[in-house]
């Protein structure tokens, strides 16, 4: 199954390397979006929608014949990590790098734009979405809540993510929970300082910090979950200041909660918050709770998942029908609220550095494989 000519593949590889050299963080993707828009304009889609959900951009290929609206989504943003690898296309932005493969994912979707320019859908619509702010969990919800979303609202939505540690080109997918919901919890405890020679005159958060650190990781198990369905990971803690003569009055604890379903996530987060409040009250401390980087669980629709399985077969690719969801998070889960969605992983090689590692680099041979998968799905749904 050939969906791409060699000269186009060379262009996509060059595009990927250019995107890699000029990464932008979540919410800052203006130049990246402009570069993508310039590429899309050469493909003459029916409509280009920009500035959706921030710097998001969408290209619509409309058959003007009744049929489903099918969305293929990729991500615009990079990570705040210093790249130590030395490819010729190494990041030119110190402390910023495409170390998750979003540069490759964008190239795959840009390849689809070229394909559908030459092979337009026979029915329905194809929507190619370049989404901002995936890494911090803000982008998908911003897209969906943007009034412009009514112009692209899909019936089906598909996405992929490359995944090191799995055989190159292998497709991994499952119906139902595909990856975990995730949310960061910040606990701020407030007491009262005193001279270190009279600690009894102050209200130190030390005992409360010790108790919370000991108890939080055990919350999932106490509620009947195991590590395959939920976990709480302690991220950091800070207490007091620099002076040896002053007892601490404040403390901060950061933790991440992950669950395989949104319902489990809500239950566990509620229990964690109540636990923290009870410990704070017993120790005479004030407490505030803040939340960061909320990701919903990706829930793969059975029908949409079957299109992925069929595409893997049509493309003669190895298919791993997964038994358990991944514990990492992806904000593509938000699209499950508005469409039949499915996500799959695309093996990036068993010796490839892991995602978010400072020496990771997207395997460019996956560009054509990702395109083939998405084209096969599009052919099934839109002819």
Protein backbone atom coordinates (compact mmCIF):
# COMPACT_ATOMS: atom_id res chain seq x y z
CA UNK A 1 0.00 0.00 0.00
CA UNK A 2 1.72 3.18 -1.18
CA UNK A 3 0.35 6.55 -0.07
CA UNK A 4 3.44 8.70 -0.52
CA UNK A 5 6.02 9.39 -3.22
CA UNK A 6 9.70 9.50 -2.32
CA UNK A 7 10.04 13.21 -3.09
CA UNK A 8 7.11 14.00 -0.77
CA UNK A 9 8.62 11.82 1.94
CA UNK A 10 11.86 13.76 1.60
CA UNK A 11 9.89 17.00 2.04
CA UNK A 12 8.19 15.65 5.16
CA UNK A 13 11.51 14.58 6.67
CA UNK A 14 12.92 18.04 5.96
CA UNK A 15 9.83 19.57 7.58
CA UNK A 16 10.23 17.34 10.63
CA UNK A 17 13.83 18.40 11.05
CA UNK A 18 12.95 22.07 10.71
CA UNK A 19 10.21 21.75 13.33
CA UNK A 20 12.67 19.94 15.59
CA UNK A 21 15.16 22.80 15.41
CA UNK A 22 12.63 25.44 16.47
CA UNK A 23 10.55 23.95 19.32
CA UNK A 24 7.98 25.96 21.23
CA UNK A 25 6.46 25.15 24.60
CA UNK A 26 2.79 24.69 25.47
CA UNK A 27 0.83 27.83 24.72
CA UNK A 28 3.72 29.44 22.83
CA UNK A 29 3.39 27.63 19.49
CA UNK A 30 2.77 30.66 17.26
CA UNK A 31 5.71 30.17 14.89
CA UNK A 32 5.13 26.44 14.68
CA UNK A 33 1.47 27.03 13.78
CA UNK A 34 2.48 29.56 11.12
CA UNK A 35 4.89 27.04 9.59
CA UNK A 36 2.15 24.41 9.54
CA UNK A 37 -0.34 26.84 8.02
CA UNK A 38 2.08 27.65 5.21
CA UNK A 39 2.36 23.93 4.42
CA UNK A 40 -1.42 23.43 4.55
CA UNK A 41 -2.00 26.34 2.16
CA UNK A 42 0.00 24.50 -0.51
CA UNK A 43 -2.50 21.62 -0.18
CA UNK A 44 -5.59 23.75 -0.94
CA UNK A 45 -8.00 22.32 1.66
CA UNK A 46 -11.65 23.37 1.61
CA UNK A 47 -11.03 25.51 4.71
CA UNK A 48 -8.26 26.39 7.12
CA UNK A 49 -9.22 27.42 10.65
CA UNK A 50 -6.48 29.01 12.74
CA UNK A 51 -6.18 30.38 16.26
CA UNK A 52 -8.50 27.68 17.62
CA UNK A 53 -7.94 26.86 21.30
CA UNK A 54 -4.93 29.18 21.24
CA UNK A 55 -2.47 28.49 18.43
CA UNK A 56 -4.38 25.49 17.11
CA UNK A 57 -4.96 25.08 13.39
CA UNK A 58 -7.27 22.78 11.42
CA UNK A 59 -7.55 21.93 7.73
CA UNK A 60 -10.83 20.59 6.36
CA UNK A 61 -11.13 18.51 3.20
CA UNK A 62 -14.86 18.48 2.44
CA UNK A 63 -16.37 16.17 -0.18
CA UNK A 64 -19.63 18.12 -0.04
CA UNK A 65 -21.34 14.73 0.00
CA UNK A 66 -23.13 13.37 3.04
CA UNK A 67 -20.91 11.28 5.27
CA UNK A 68 -19.02 11.27 8.57
CA UNK A 69 -16.63 13.98 9.78
CA UNK A 70 -13.36 12.23 10.63
CA UNK A 71 -10.66 14.05 12.58
CA UNK A 72 -6.97 13.15 12.74
CA UNK A 73 -5.10 15.00 15.47
CA UNK A 74 -1.47 15.77 16.30
CA UNK A 75 0.30 18.08 18.76
CA UNK A 76 2.24 21.32 18.25
CA UNK A 77 4.16 21.71 21.50
CA UNK A 78 7.60 20.70 22.72
CA UNK A 79 9.10 20.10 26.18
CA UNK A 80 11.17 22.25 28.57
CA UNK A 81 14.12 19.84 28.46
CA UNK A 82 17.69 20.46 27.28
CA UNK A 83 18.52 18.20 24.33
CA UNK A 84 21.83 16.36 24.70
CA UNK A 85 21.63 14.39 21.45
CA UNK A 86 23.71 15.69 18.54
CA UNK A 87 21.68 15.25 15.34
CA UNK A 88 22.33 17.82 12.60
CA UNK A 89 18.81 19.09 13.27
CA UNK A 90 19.40 19.54 17.03
CA UNK A 91 17.20 22.09 18.82
CA UNK A 92 18.38 25.67 18.44
CA UNK A 93 16.37 26.72 21.49
CA UNK A 94 18.31 25.99 24.68
CA UNK A 95 16.17 24.21 27.25
CA UNK A 96 13.42 23.40 24.74
CA UNK A 97 13.18 20.32 22.55
CA UNK A 98 10.82 17.99 20.72
CA UNK A 99 11.65 15.01 22.92
CA UNK A 100 8.20 13.43 22.72
CA UNK A 101 7.95 13.14 18.94
CA UNK A 102 5.36 15.81 18.28
CA UNK A 103 7.55 17.04 15.41
CA UNK A 104 7.12 13.62 13.80
CA UNK A 105 3.41 13.50 14.53
CA UNK A 106 2.97 16.89 12.83
CA UNK A 107 4.87 15.64 9.79
CA UNK A 108 2.54 12.65 9.53
CA UNK A 109 -0.54 14.88 9.52
CA UNK A 110 1.11 17.27 7.04
CA UNK A 111 1.65 14.22 4.83
CA UNK A 112 -2.07 13.49 5.09
CA UNK A 113 -2.79 17.01 3.87
CA UNK A 114 -0.72 16.37 0.76
CA UNK A 115 -2.43 13.00 0.27
CA UNK A 116 -5.98 14.37 0.56
CA UNK A 117 -5.11 17.27 -1.74
CA UNK A 118 -4.52 14.66 -4.44
CA UNK A 119 -7.07 12.08 -3.21
CA UNK A 120 -10.01 13.98 -1.70
CA UNK A 121 -12.61 12.09 0.33
CA UNK A 122 -15.59 10.78 -1.64
CA UNK A 123 -18.02 11.38 1.20
CA UNK A 124 -18.04 13.30 4.48
CA UNK A 125 -15.14 15.43 5.69
CA UNK A 126 -11.53 14.88 6.69
CA UNK A 127 -10.30 17.24 9.43
CA UNK A 128 -6.60 17.55 10.21
CA UNK A 129 -6.10 19.14 13.62
CA UNK A 130 -2.81 20.50 14.95
CA UNK A 131 -3.47 20.96 18.66
CA UNK A 132 -1.53 23.21 21.03
CA UNK A 133 -0.64 22.62 24.68
CA UNK A 134 -0.86 18.84 24.91
CA UNK A 135 2.04 18.50 27.33
CA UNK A 136 0.32 20.50 30.08
CA UNK A 137 -3.15 19.06 29.47
CA UNK A 138 -4.72 22.39 28.50
CA UNK A 139 -4.94 22.15 24.72
CA UNK A 140 -7.71 19.67 23.98
CA UNK A 141 -10.21 21.29 26.34
CA UNK A 142 -9.32 24.72 24.91
CA UNK A 143 -10.05 23.43 21.41
CA UNK A 144 -13.39 21.92 22.41
CA UNK A 145 -14.48 25.01 24.33
CA UNK A 146 -13.57 27.38 21.50
CA UNK A 147 -16.65 28.61 19.54
CA UNK A 148 -14.76 27.68 16.35
CA UNK A 149 -14.99 24.03 17.35
CA UNK A 150 -18.55 23.99 15.98
CA UNK A 151 -16.96 24.27 12.52
CA UNK A 152 -14.99 21.05 12.91
CA UNK A 153 -17.01 18.99 15.40
CA UNK A 154 -16.19 15.40 14.36
CA UNK A 155 -18.10 12.15 14.45
CA UNK A 156 -14.84 10.21 14.82
CA UNK A 157 -11.43 11.32 16.10
CA UNK A 158 -8.17 9.38 15.82
CA UNK A 159 -4.64 9.95 17.10
CA UNK A 160 -1.38 8.07 17.47
CA UNK A 161 1.68 8.32 19.65
CA UNK A 162 5.05 6.85 18.89
CA UNK A 163 6.30 4.65 21.69
CA UNK A 164 9.92 3.55 22.22
CA UNK A 165 10.49 0.14 23.72
CA UNK A 166 8.10 -1.52 21.28
CA UNK A 167 9.05 -3.13 17.92
CA UNK A 168 9.45 -0.60 15.13
CA UNK A 169 6.17 -0.05 13.19
CA UNK A 170 4.13 -2.30 15.53
CA UNK A 171 0.59 -1.08 16.25
CA UNK A 172 -0.68 -1.32 19.83
CA UNK A 173 -4.33 -0.69 20.65
CA UNK A 174 -7.19 -1.74 22.90
CA UNK A 175 -10.83 -0.87 23.32
CA UNK A 176 -11.96 0.91 26.49
CA UNK A 177 -9.43 2.63 28.79
CA UNK A 178 -6.29 3.24 26.73
CA UNK A 179 -4.25 5.43 29.06
CA UNK A 180 -4.65 6.88 32.51
CA UNK A 181 -6.29 10.05 33.70
CA UNK A 182 -3.79 12.21 35.55
CA UNK A 183 -3.85 15.29 37.76
CA UNK A 184 -1.31 17.11 39.91
CA UNK A 185 -2.26 18.02 43.50
CA UNK A 186 -0.42 20.79 45.37
CA UNK A 187 -0.88 20.81 49.15
CA UNK A 188 0.01 24.06 50.94
CA UNK A 189 0.19 23.83 54.74
CA UNK A 190 0.39 26.97 56.91
CA UNK A 191 1.32 27.09 60.60
CA UNK A 192 3.29 29.61 62.73
CA UNK A 193 7.00 30.23 63.20
CA UNK A 194 8.81 30.43 66.50
CA UNK A 195 12.38 30.67 67.72
CA UNK A 196 14.04 27.32 67.24
CA UNK A 197 14.88 27.23 70.96
CA UNK A 198 11.15 27.34 71.74
CA UNK A 199 9.47 25.12 69.12
CA UNK A 200 6.46 24.68 71.43
CA UNK A 201 5.51 28.31 70.74
CA UNK A 202 5.10 27.70 67.03
CA UNK A 203 2.93 25.45 64.86
CA UNK A 204 5.25 23.36 62.73
CA UNK A 205 3.93 21.40 59.72
CA UNK A 206 6.66 18.75 60.13
CA UNK A 207 4.49 16.04 61.69
CA UNK A 208 1.69 16.65 59.18
CA UNK A 209 4.13 16.48 56.26
CA UNK A 210 5.51 13.17 57.51
CA UNK A 211 2.01 11.72 57.90
CA UNK A 212 0.80 12.92 54.49
CA UNK A 213 3.92 11.62 52.73
CA UNK A 214 3.40 8.23 54.34
CA UNK A 215 -0.30 7.98 53.61
CA UNK A 216 -0.88 9.46 50.15
CA UNK A 217 0.79 6.67 48.11
CA UNK A 218 -1.40 4.10 49.89
CA UNK A 219 -4.73 5.77 49.08
CA UNK A 220 -5.42 3.75 45.90
CA UNK A 221 -4.84 0.43 47.67
CA UNK A 222 -7.01 1.47 50.61
CA UNK A 223 -9.88 2.03 48.19
CA UNK A 224 -9.43 -1.32 46.47
CA UNK A 225 -7.32 -0.37 43.44
CA UNK A 226 -3.98 -1.88 42.45
CA UNK A 227 -1.05 -0.40 40.50
CA UNK A 228 -2.61 -1.52 37.19
CA UNK A 229 -5.60 0.77 37.71
CA UNK A 230 -4.47 3.64 39.98
CA UNK A 231 -1.43 5.13 41.70
CA UNK A 232 -0.33 8.20 43.62
CA UNK A 233 3.23 9.39 43.00
CA UNK A 234 4.96 11.84 45.36
CA UNK A 235 6.74 14.50 43.31
CA UNK A 236 8.33 16.96 45.75
CA UNK A 237 8.15 18.50 49.20
CA UNK A 238 9.47 21.72 50.73
CA UNK A 239 9.26 22.97 54.31
CA UNK A 240 10.50 26.06 56.15
CA UNK A 241 13.34 28.39 55.21
CA UNK A 242 17.13 28.68 55.47
CA UNK A 243 17.63 29.99 59.00
CA UNK A 244 18.58 27.39 61.63
CA UNK A 245 17.12 29.57 64.36
CA UNK A 246 13.55 29.57 63.05
CA UNK A 247 11.02 26.74 63.18
CA UNK A 248 9.06 26.15 59.96
CA UNK A 249 5.60 27.58 59.44
CA UNK A 250 4.79 26.48 55.91
CA UNK A 251 5.20 23.43 53.75
CA UNK A 252 4.31 22.35 50.24
CA UNK A 253 3.77 18.84 48.92
CA UNK A 254 3.27 17.93 45.26
CA UNK A 255 1.79 14.62 44.16
CA UNK A 256 0.37 13.17 40.95
CA UNK A 257 -2.68 10.93 40.93
CA UNK A 258 -3.31 8.57 38.01
CA UNK A 259 -6.29 6.29 37.36
CA UNK A 260 -7.50 4.18 34.46
CA UNK A 261 -10.96 5.77 34.44
CA UNK A 262 -12.29 9.25 35.08
CA UNK A 263 -14.71 7.92 37.70
CA UNK A 264 -11.89 6.30 39.67
CA UNK A 265 -9.87 9.49 39.36
CA UNK A 266 -12.62 11.61 40.89
CA UNK A 267 -13.11 9.15 43.75
CA UNK A 268 -9.42 8.96 44.58
CA UNK A 269 -8.85 12.71 44.34
CA UNK A 270 -11.75 13.35 46.72
CA UNK A 271 -10.36 10.84 49.23
CA UNK A 272 -6.85 12.31 49.01
CA UNK A 273 -8.12 15.83 49.61
CA UNK A 274 -10.18 14.78 52.63
CA UNK A 275 -7.20 12.92 54.08
CA UNK A 276 -5.01 16.03 53.76
CA UNK A 277 -7.64 18.27 55.34
CA UNK A 278 -8.07 15.92 58.31
CA UNK A 279 -4.31 15.76 58.94
CA UNK A 280 -4.05 19.55 58.72
CA UNK A 281 -6.92 20.06 61.22
CA UNK A 282 -5.42 17.63 63.74
CA UNK A 283 -2.15 19.55 63.61
CA UNK A 284 -3.71 23.00 63.85
CA UNK A 285 -2.62 23.97 60.34
CA UNK A 286 -4.28 25.94 57.61
CA UNK A 287 -4.43 24.20 54.22
CA UNK A 288 -5.10 25.13 50.60
CA UNK A 289 -5.27 22.69 47.71
CA UNK A 290 -4.43 23.50 44.11
CA UNK A 291 -4.67 21.38 40.97
CA UNK A 292 -2.45 21.34 37.89
CA UNK A 293 -2.24 19.57 34.53
CA UNK A 294 -5.50 17.66 34.51
CA UNK A 295 -5.76 14.92 31.89
CA UNK A 296 -8.83 12.79 31.30
CA UNK A 297 -8.50 9.08 30.61
CA UNK A 298 -8.45 8.16 26.93
CA UNK A 299 -11.42 5.88 26.34
CA UNK A 300 -11.22 4.06 23.01
CA UNK A 301 -14.63 3.56 21.40
CA UNK A 302 -15.10 -0.08 20.27
CA UNK A 303 -16.18 0.86 16.74
CA UNK A 304 -13.34 3.35 16.27
CA UNK A 305 -10.87 0.83 17.70
CA UNK A 306 -11.95 -1.73 15.11
CA UNK A 307 -11.07 0.73 12.34
CA UNK A 308 -7.53 0.86 13.75
CA UNK A 309 -7.28 -2.92 13.89
CA UNK A 310 -8.52 -3.22 10.31
CA UNK A 311 -6.06 -0.57 9.16
CA UNK A 312 -3.14 -2.46 10.72
CA UNK A 313 -4.23 -5.57 8.83
CA UNK A 314 -4.64 -3.66 5.57
CA UNK A 315 -1.17 -2.16 6.01
CA UNK A 316 0.40 -5.55 6.87
CA UNK A 317 1.62 -4.23 10.22
CA UNK A 318 2.09 -6.25 13.39
CA UNK A 319 -0.80 -5.69 15.78
CA UNK A 320 -0.63 -6.03 19.56
CA UNK A 321 -4.10 -6.08 21.13
CA UNK A 322 -3.20 -4.68 24.52
CA UNK A 323 -4.65 -6.08 27.73
CA UNK A 324 -4.03 -3.12 30.05
CA UNK A 325 -4.06 0.66 29.59
CA UNK A 326 -0.87 2.70 29.66
CA UNK A 327 -0.18 4.61 32.86
CA UNK A 328 1.01 7.76 31.07
CA UNK A 329 -1.53 10.41 30.15
CA UNK A 330 -2.58 12.19 26.95
CA UNK A 331 -5.16 14.94 26.67
CA UNK A 332 -6.69 13.34 23.58
CA UNK A 333 -9.08 11.83 26.13
CA UNK A 334 -11.08 15.08 26.09
CA UNK A 335 -12.24 14.34 22.56
CA UNK A 336 -13.98 11.21 23.89
CA UNK A 337 -16.58 13.60 25.32
CA UNK A 338 -17.63 14.83 21.87
CA UNK A 339 -16.87 12.02 19.39
CA UNK A 340 -16.14 8.34 18.93
CA UNK A 341 -12.42 8.29 19.55
CA UNK A 342 -9.54 5.87 19.41
CA UNK A 343 -5.81 6.23 19.90
CA UNK A 344 -3.04 3.78 19.12
CA UNK A 345 0.69 3.54 19.77
CA UNK A 346 3.19 3.15 16.98
CA UNK A 347 6.31 1.20 17.95
CA UNK A 348 9.42 3.40 17.76
CA UNK A 349 11.98 0.63 18.23
CA UNK A 350 13.15 -1.39 21.19
CA UNK A 351 16.52 0.38 21.52
CA UNK A 352 15.19 3.91 21.04
CA UNK A 353 15.61 6.24 24.08
CA UNK A 354 12.40 6.69 26.01
CA UNK A 355 10.01 9.59 25.51
CA UNK A 356 11.05 12.77 27.37
CA UNK A 357 14.64 11.53 27.60
CA UNK A 358 17.16 14.24 26.76
CA UNK A 359 18.65 12.13 23.92
CA UNK A 360 15.36 11.01 22.29
CA UNK A 361 14.83 11.67 18.57
CA UNK A 362 11.75 10.71 16.52
CA UNK A 363 12.39 7.78 14.12
CA UNK A 364 11.65 9.27 10.69
CA UNK A 365 10.72 5.91 9.15
CA UNK A 366 7.49 6.16 11.16
CA UNK A 367 6.21 9.07 9.05
CA UNK A 368 5.09 6.84 6.20
CA UNK A 369 3.75 4.16 8.57
CA UNK A 370 1.62 6.65 10.45
CA UNK A 371 0.31 8.05 7.18
CA UNK A 372 -0.62 4.60 5.90
CA UNK A 373 -2.60 3.86 9.03
CA UNK A 374 -4.55 7.11 8.92
CA UNK A 375 -5.20 6.87 5.17
CA UNK A 376 -6.57 3.35 5.61
CA UNK A 377 -8.92 4.54 8.36
CA UNK A 378 -10.02 7.48 6.22
CA UNK A 379 -10.70 5.20 3.25
CA UNK A 380 -12.96 3.01 5.37
CA UNK A 381 -15.00 5.94 6.65
CA UNK A 382 -14.92 8.47 3.82
CA UNK A 383 -14.24 6.40 0.71
